[in-house]
N, C-alpha and C. Protein backbone atom coordinates (compact mmCIF):
# COMPACT_ATOMS: atom_id res chain seq x y z
N MET A 1 91.55 93.13 101.05
CA MET A 1 92.19 91.90 101.47
C MET A 1 93.30 92.24 102.46
N ALA A 2 93.20 91.71 103.64
CA ALA A 2 94.19 91.98 104.69
C ALA A 2 95.32 90.96 104.60
N LEU A 3 96.52 91.44 104.80
CA LEU A 3 97.69 90.58 104.83
C LEU A 3 97.86 90.09 106.25
N ARG A 4 97.97 88.81 106.41
CA ARG A 4 98.15 88.25 107.75
C ARG A 4 99.50 87.53 107.80
N ILE A 5 100.35 88.03 108.68
CA ILE A 5 101.63 87.39 108.90
C ILE A 5 101.85 87.24 110.39
N SER A 6 102.67 86.29 110.73
CA SER A 6 102.96 86.05 112.15
C SER A 6 104.01 87.03 112.64
N PHE A 7 104.14 87.05 113.95
CA PHE A 7 105.17 87.86 114.62
C PHE A 7 106.54 87.51 114.05
N ASP A 8 106.85 86.21 113.98
CA ASP A 8 108.15 85.77 113.47
C ASP A 8 108.35 86.16 112.01
N GLN A 9 107.31 86.04 111.20
CA GLN A 9 107.42 86.43 109.80
C GLN A 9 107.69 87.93 109.67
N ALA A 10 106.99 88.73 110.46
CA ALA A 10 107.18 90.18 110.41
C ALA A 10 108.62 90.54 110.75
N LEU A 11 109.14 89.93 111.81
CA LEU A 11 110.53 90.22 112.20
C LEU A 11 111.52 89.71 111.16
N ASP A 12 111.21 88.58 110.54
CA ASP A 12 112.10 88.03 109.51
C ASP A 12 112.12 88.95 108.29
N ILE A 13 110.98 89.51 107.93
CA ILE A 13 110.92 90.46 106.82
C ILE A 13 111.74 91.69 107.15
N TRP A 14 111.55 92.21 108.35
CA TRP A 14 112.29 93.40 108.78
C TRP A 14 113.79 93.12 108.79
N ARG A 15 114.18 91.98 109.34
CA ARG A 15 115.60 91.60 109.38
C ARG A 15 116.17 91.48 107.97
N GLY A 16 115.44 90.82 107.09
CA GLY A 16 115.91 90.66 105.72
C GLY A 16 116.11 91.99 105.02
N ALA A 17 115.16 92.88 105.18
CA ALA A 17 115.26 94.19 104.56
C ALA A 17 116.42 94.99 105.17
N ALA A 18 116.58 94.89 106.48
CA ALA A 18 117.67 95.60 107.15
C ALA A 18 119.03 95.08 106.69
N LEU A 19 119.16 93.77 106.61
CA LEU A 19 120.43 93.19 106.15
C LEU A 19 120.76 93.62 104.73
N ASP A 20 119.75 93.58 103.85
CA ASP A 20 119.98 94.00 102.46
C ASP A 20 120.36 95.48 102.39
N ALA A 21 119.72 96.30 103.23
CA ALA A 21 120.04 97.73 103.24
C ALA A 21 121.47 97.96 103.72
N VAL A 22 121.88 97.25 104.78
CA VAL A 22 123.24 97.40 105.31
C VAL A 22 124.27 96.94 104.28
N ARG A 23 124.00 95.82 103.65
CA ARG A 23 124.93 95.27 102.65
C ARG A 23 125.05 96.16 101.42
N SER A 24 124.00 96.91 101.12
CA SER A 24 124.01 97.75 99.91
C SER A 24 124.80 99.04 100.10
N GLY A 25 125.12 99.37 101.35
CA GLY A 25 125.85 100.60 101.61
C GLY A 25 124.97 101.83 101.61
N ARG A 26 123.65 101.64 101.65
CA ARG A 26 122.72 102.77 101.70
C ARG A 26 122.91 103.52 103.02
N PRO A 27 122.53 104.80 103.06
CA PRO A 27 122.64 105.54 104.32
C PRO A 27 121.81 104.88 105.42
N ASP A 28 122.38 104.81 106.61
CA ASP A 28 121.66 104.29 107.77
C ASP A 28 120.83 105.42 108.36
N LEU A 29 119.57 105.14 108.61
CA LEU A 29 118.71 106.09 109.29
C LEU A 29 118.28 105.49 110.62
N THR A 30 118.18 106.34 111.64
CA THR A 30 117.63 105.87 112.90
C THR A 30 116.13 105.64 112.70
N MET A 31 115.52 104.98 113.65
CA MET A 31 114.07 104.76 113.57
C MET A 31 113.35 106.11 113.56
N ARG A 32 113.81 107.05 114.34
CA ARG A 32 113.18 108.38 114.38
C ARG A 32 113.32 109.07 113.03
N GLN A 33 114.50 109.03 112.44
CA GLN A 33 114.69 109.65 111.13
C GLN A 33 113.80 108.99 110.08
N MET A 34 113.71 107.66 110.14
CA MET A 34 112.86 106.95 109.19
C MET A 34 111.39 107.32 109.39
N ALA A 35 110.96 107.43 110.65
CA ALA A 35 109.57 107.82 110.92
C ALA A 35 109.28 109.22 110.38
N VAL A 36 110.23 110.13 110.53
CA VAL A 36 110.03 111.49 110.02
C VAL A 36 109.96 111.48 108.50
N VAL A 37 110.90 110.83 107.84
CA VAL A 37 110.91 110.86 106.38
C VAL A 37 109.68 110.13 105.82
N LEU A 38 109.27 109.04 106.43
CA LEU A 38 108.06 108.35 105.96
C LEU A 38 106.82 109.22 106.14
N THR A 39 106.75 109.94 107.23
CA THR A 39 105.61 110.83 107.45
C THR A 39 105.57 111.93 106.40
N VAL A 40 106.73 112.51 106.10
CA VAL A 40 106.80 113.56 105.08
C VAL A 40 106.35 113.03 103.73
N TYR A 41 106.72 111.81 103.41
CA TYR A 41 106.42 111.27 102.09
C TYR A 41 105.04 110.62 101.99
N LEU A 42 104.52 110.10 103.08
CA LEU A 42 103.26 109.36 103.01
C LEU A 42 102.03 110.16 103.45
N GLU A 43 102.25 111.22 104.20
CA GLU A 43 101.14 112.06 104.64
C GLU A 43 101.09 113.30 103.75
N PRO A 44 99.89 113.81 103.50
CA PRO A 44 99.80 114.98 102.61
C PRO A 44 100.45 116.22 103.24
N PRO A 45 101.13 117.03 102.39
CA PRO A 45 101.73 118.27 102.88
C PRO A 45 100.64 119.30 103.16
N PRO A 46 100.98 120.39 103.79
CA PRO A 46 102.31 120.84 104.18
C PRO A 46 102.77 120.20 105.48
N HIS A 47 104.09 120.16 105.66
CA HIS A 47 104.69 119.62 106.88
C HIS A 47 105.51 120.70 107.56
N THR A 48 105.35 120.78 108.86
CA THR A 48 106.13 121.71 109.67
C THR A 48 106.76 120.92 110.81
N VAL A 49 107.75 121.51 111.45
CA VAL A 49 108.37 120.85 112.61
C VAL A 49 107.30 120.59 113.67
N ARG A 50 106.49 121.58 113.95
CA ARG A 50 105.44 121.43 114.96
C ARG A 50 104.47 120.31 114.58
N GLY A 51 104.07 120.27 113.32
CA GLY A 51 103.15 119.23 112.86
C GLY A 51 103.75 117.85 112.92
N LEU A 52 105.01 117.72 112.54
CA LEU A 52 105.68 116.43 112.60
C LEU A 52 105.85 115.98 114.04
N ALA A 53 106.21 116.90 114.92
CA ALA A 53 106.36 116.55 116.34
C ALA A 53 105.03 116.05 116.91
N ALA A 54 103.94 116.70 116.55
CA ALA A 54 102.63 116.28 117.04
C ALA A 54 102.23 114.93 116.44
N ALA A 55 102.46 114.76 115.15
CA ALA A 55 102.07 113.51 114.49
C ALA A 55 102.84 112.31 115.04
N LEU A 56 104.11 112.53 115.39
CA LEU A 56 104.96 111.44 115.86
C LEU A 56 105.02 111.35 117.38
N ASN A 57 104.44 112.34 118.04
CA ASN A 57 104.44 112.40 119.51
C ASN A 57 105.87 112.41 120.07
N ILE A 58 106.70 113.25 119.46
CA ILE A 58 108.06 113.45 119.94
C ILE A 58 108.33 114.95 120.05
N ALA A 59 109.36 115.32 120.76
CA ALA A 59 109.69 116.72 120.99
C ALA A 59 110.18 117.39 119.70
N LYS A 60 109.90 118.68 119.58
CA LYS A 60 110.36 119.44 118.41
C LYS A 60 111.87 119.38 118.21
N PRO A 61 112.69 119.48 119.28
CA PRO A 61 114.14 119.38 119.05
C PRO A 61 114.55 118.03 118.45
N ALA A 62 113.84 116.97 118.79
CA ALA A 62 114.15 115.66 118.21
C ALA A 62 113.81 115.64 116.72
N VAL A 63 112.74 116.30 116.35
CA VAL A 63 112.37 116.40 114.93
C VAL A 63 113.42 117.22 114.19
N VAL A 64 113.87 118.32 114.79
CA VAL A 64 114.88 119.17 114.17
C VAL A 64 116.16 118.38 113.93
N ARG A 65 116.59 117.59 114.92
CA ARG A 65 117.81 116.78 114.75
C ARG A 65 117.63 115.77 113.62
N ALA A 66 116.47 115.14 113.56
CA ALA A 66 116.21 114.18 112.48
C ALA A 66 116.23 114.89 111.13
N LEU A 67 115.61 116.06 111.06
CA LEU A 67 115.59 116.82 109.81
C LEU A 67 116.98 117.28 109.40
N ASP A 68 117.83 117.61 110.37
CA ASP A 68 119.21 117.99 110.05
C ASP A 68 119.89 116.88 109.27
N ARG A 69 119.76 115.65 109.76
CA ARG A 69 120.39 114.51 109.09
C ARG A 69 119.73 114.24 107.73
N LEU A 70 118.41 114.28 107.68
CA LEU A 70 117.71 114.03 106.43
C LEU A 70 118.02 115.09 105.38
N GLU A 71 118.22 116.31 105.83
CA GLU A 71 118.59 117.38 104.90
C GLU A 71 120.03 117.20 104.42
N GLU A 72 120.93 116.76 105.31
CA GLU A 72 122.31 116.44 104.91
C GLU A 72 122.33 115.43 103.78
N LEU A 73 121.44 114.45 103.86
CA LEU A 73 121.36 113.39 102.86
C LEU A 73 120.56 113.81 101.62
N ASP A 74 119.98 115.00 101.65
CA ASP A 74 119.12 115.52 100.58
C ASP A 74 117.85 114.69 100.42
N PHE A 75 117.33 114.18 101.54
CA PHE A 75 116.07 113.42 101.51
C PHE A 75 114.88 114.34 101.75
N VAL A 76 115.11 115.49 102.38
CA VAL A 76 114.09 116.52 102.57
C VAL A 76 114.75 117.88 102.39
N ARG A 77 113.90 118.88 102.24
CA ARG A 77 114.38 120.26 102.11
C ARG A 77 113.50 121.13 103.00
N ARG A 78 114.12 122.11 103.65
CA ARG A 78 113.37 123.07 104.44
C ARG A 78 113.30 124.38 103.67
N ARG A 79 112.13 125.01 103.72
CA ARG A 79 112.01 126.34 103.11
C ARG A 79 111.04 127.17 103.94
N GLU A 80 111.22 128.46 103.82
CA GLU A 80 110.37 129.40 104.55
C GLU A 80 108.95 129.34 104.00
N ASP A 81 107.97 129.37 104.88
CA ASP A 81 106.57 129.40 104.49
C ASP A 81 106.26 130.79 103.94
N PRO A 82 105.87 130.90 102.68
CA PRO A 82 105.61 132.24 102.11
C PRO A 82 104.43 132.95 102.76
N GLU A 83 103.54 132.18 103.38
CA GLU A 83 102.36 132.78 104.02
C GLU A 83 102.61 133.17 105.47
N ASP A 84 103.60 132.56 106.10
CA ASP A 84 103.93 132.88 107.49
C ASP A 84 105.42 132.69 107.67
N LYS A 85 106.15 133.78 107.64
CA LYS A 85 107.63 133.74 107.66
C LYS A 85 108.19 133.07 108.91
N ARG A 86 107.36 132.89 109.95
CA ARG A 86 107.84 132.23 111.17
C ARG A 86 107.87 130.71 111.01
N ASN A 87 107.14 130.20 110.04
CA ASN A 87 107.08 128.74 109.82
C ASN A 87 108.12 128.29 108.81
N VAL A 88 108.58 127.07 109.00
CA VAL A 88 109.46 126.41 108.04
C VAL A 88 108.71 125.20 107.51
N LEU A 89 108.63 125.09 106.20
CA LEU A 89 107.96 123.95 105.57
C LEU A 89 108.99 122.88 105.22
N ILE A 90 108.60 121.64 105.41
CA ILE A 90 109.47 120.50 105.09
C ILE A 90 108.95 119.91 103.79
N GLU A 91 109.84 119.78 102.80
CA GLU A 91 109.44 119.29 101.49
C GLU A 91 110.20 118.03 101.10
N ARG A 92 109.59 117.27 100.23
CA ARG A 92 110.20 116.07 99.66
C ARG A 92 111.26 116.47 98.63
N THR A 93 112.16 115.52 98.36
CA THR A 93 113.15 115.71 97.29
C THR A 93 113.14 114.47 96.41
N VAL A 94 113.70 114.60 95.23
CA VAL A 94 113.80 113.45 94.33
C VAL A 94 114.67 112.37 94.97
N LYS A 95 115.78 112.77 95.56
CA LYS A 95 116.68 111.78 96.18
C LYS A 95 115.97 111.03 97.31
N GLY A 96 115.18 111.73 98.10
CA GLY A 96 114.41 111.07 99.15
C GLY A 96 113.38 110.11 98.59
N SER A 97 112.74 110.50 97.50
CA SER A 97 111.77 109.62 96.84
C SER A 97 112.43 108.34 96.34
N VAL A 98 113.59 108.48 95.75
CA VAL A 98 114.33 107.32 95.26
C VAL A 98 114.72 106.42 96.42
N TYR A 99 115.22 107.01 97.51
CA TYR A 99 115.62 106.23 98.68
C TYR A 99 114.44 105.42 99.22
N LEU A 100 113.28 106.05 99.34
CA LEU A 100 112.13 105.33 99.88
C LEU A 100 111.59 104.29 98.90
N ARG A 101 111.66 104.56 97.61
CA ARG A 101 111.25 103.55 96.62
C ARG A 101 112.15 102.32 96.74
N GLU A 102 113.46 102.55 96.86
CA GLU A 102 114.39 101.43 97.02
C GLU A 102 114.16 100.70 98.34
N THR A 103 113.83 101.44 99.40
CA THR A 103 113.52 100.83 100.69
C THR A 103 112.29 99.95 100.56
N GLY A 104 111.27 100.45 99.89
CA GLY A 104 110.07 99.65 99.66
C GLY A 104 110.38 98.39 98.87
N ASP A 105 111.24 98.50 97.88
CA ASP A 105 111.65 97.33 97.10
C ASP A 105 112.39 96.31 97.97
N LEU A 106 113.26 96.78 98.87
CA LEU A 106 113.97 95.89 99.77
C LEU A 106 112.99 95.14 100.69
N ILE A 107 112.00 95.87 101.19
CA ILE A 107 111.02 95.25 102.08
C ILE A 107 110.18 94.22 101.33
N ALA A 108 109.76 94.59 100.11
CA ALA A 108 108.97 93.66 99.29
C ALA A 108 109.78 92.39 98.97
N ALA A 109 111.05 92.56 98.62
CA ALA A 109 111.90 91.40 98.33
C ALA A 109 112.09 90.55 99.57
N ALA A 110 112.27 91.19 100.70
CA ALA A 110 112.43 90.43 101.97
C ALA A 110 111.15 89.68 102.30
N ALA A 111 110.00 90.28 102.02
CA ALA A 111 108.72 89.62 102.29
C ALA A 111 108.56 88.40 101.41
N LEU A 112 108.98 88.49 100.17
CA LEU A 112 108.88 87.34 99.26
C LEU A 112 109.84 86.22 99.66
N GLY A 113 110.98 86.61 100.26
CA GLY A 113 111.98 85.63 100.64
C GLY A 113 111.83 85.14 102.08
N ALA A 114 110.89 85.72 102.83
CA ALA A 114 110.72 85.35 104.24
C ALA A 114 110.20 83.93 104.37
N LYS A 115 110.56 83.31 105.48
CA LYS A 115 110.06 81.96 105.76
C LYS A 115 108.56 82.01 105.89
N ARG A 116 107.89 81.07 105.31
CA ARG A 116 106.42 81.02 105.37
C ARG A 116 105.98 80.00 106.40
């Protein structure tokens, strides 16, 4: 079953979720940071900087900057790849999982409250 919403409804849901997130005092993420963390959590691992850059079609330095912020917030963790010491693997954290679960709840609540 496909969900069909209008352009205005989609923006109203996004606005509602954004307002609730801002009011809650949750950490603000840029769109790029959110895209990176969602990719890490929704796509199967392993994740590398190179893989994330390719998946998101952005430069590796931009991924590194996003990961720096996400790691500061403890939403992801970087560790050395035991099979190839030149690679760094990006891993999920419990705190990141909680943040995204709460984000999903905010979006769902905004969708229920959106103008129909």
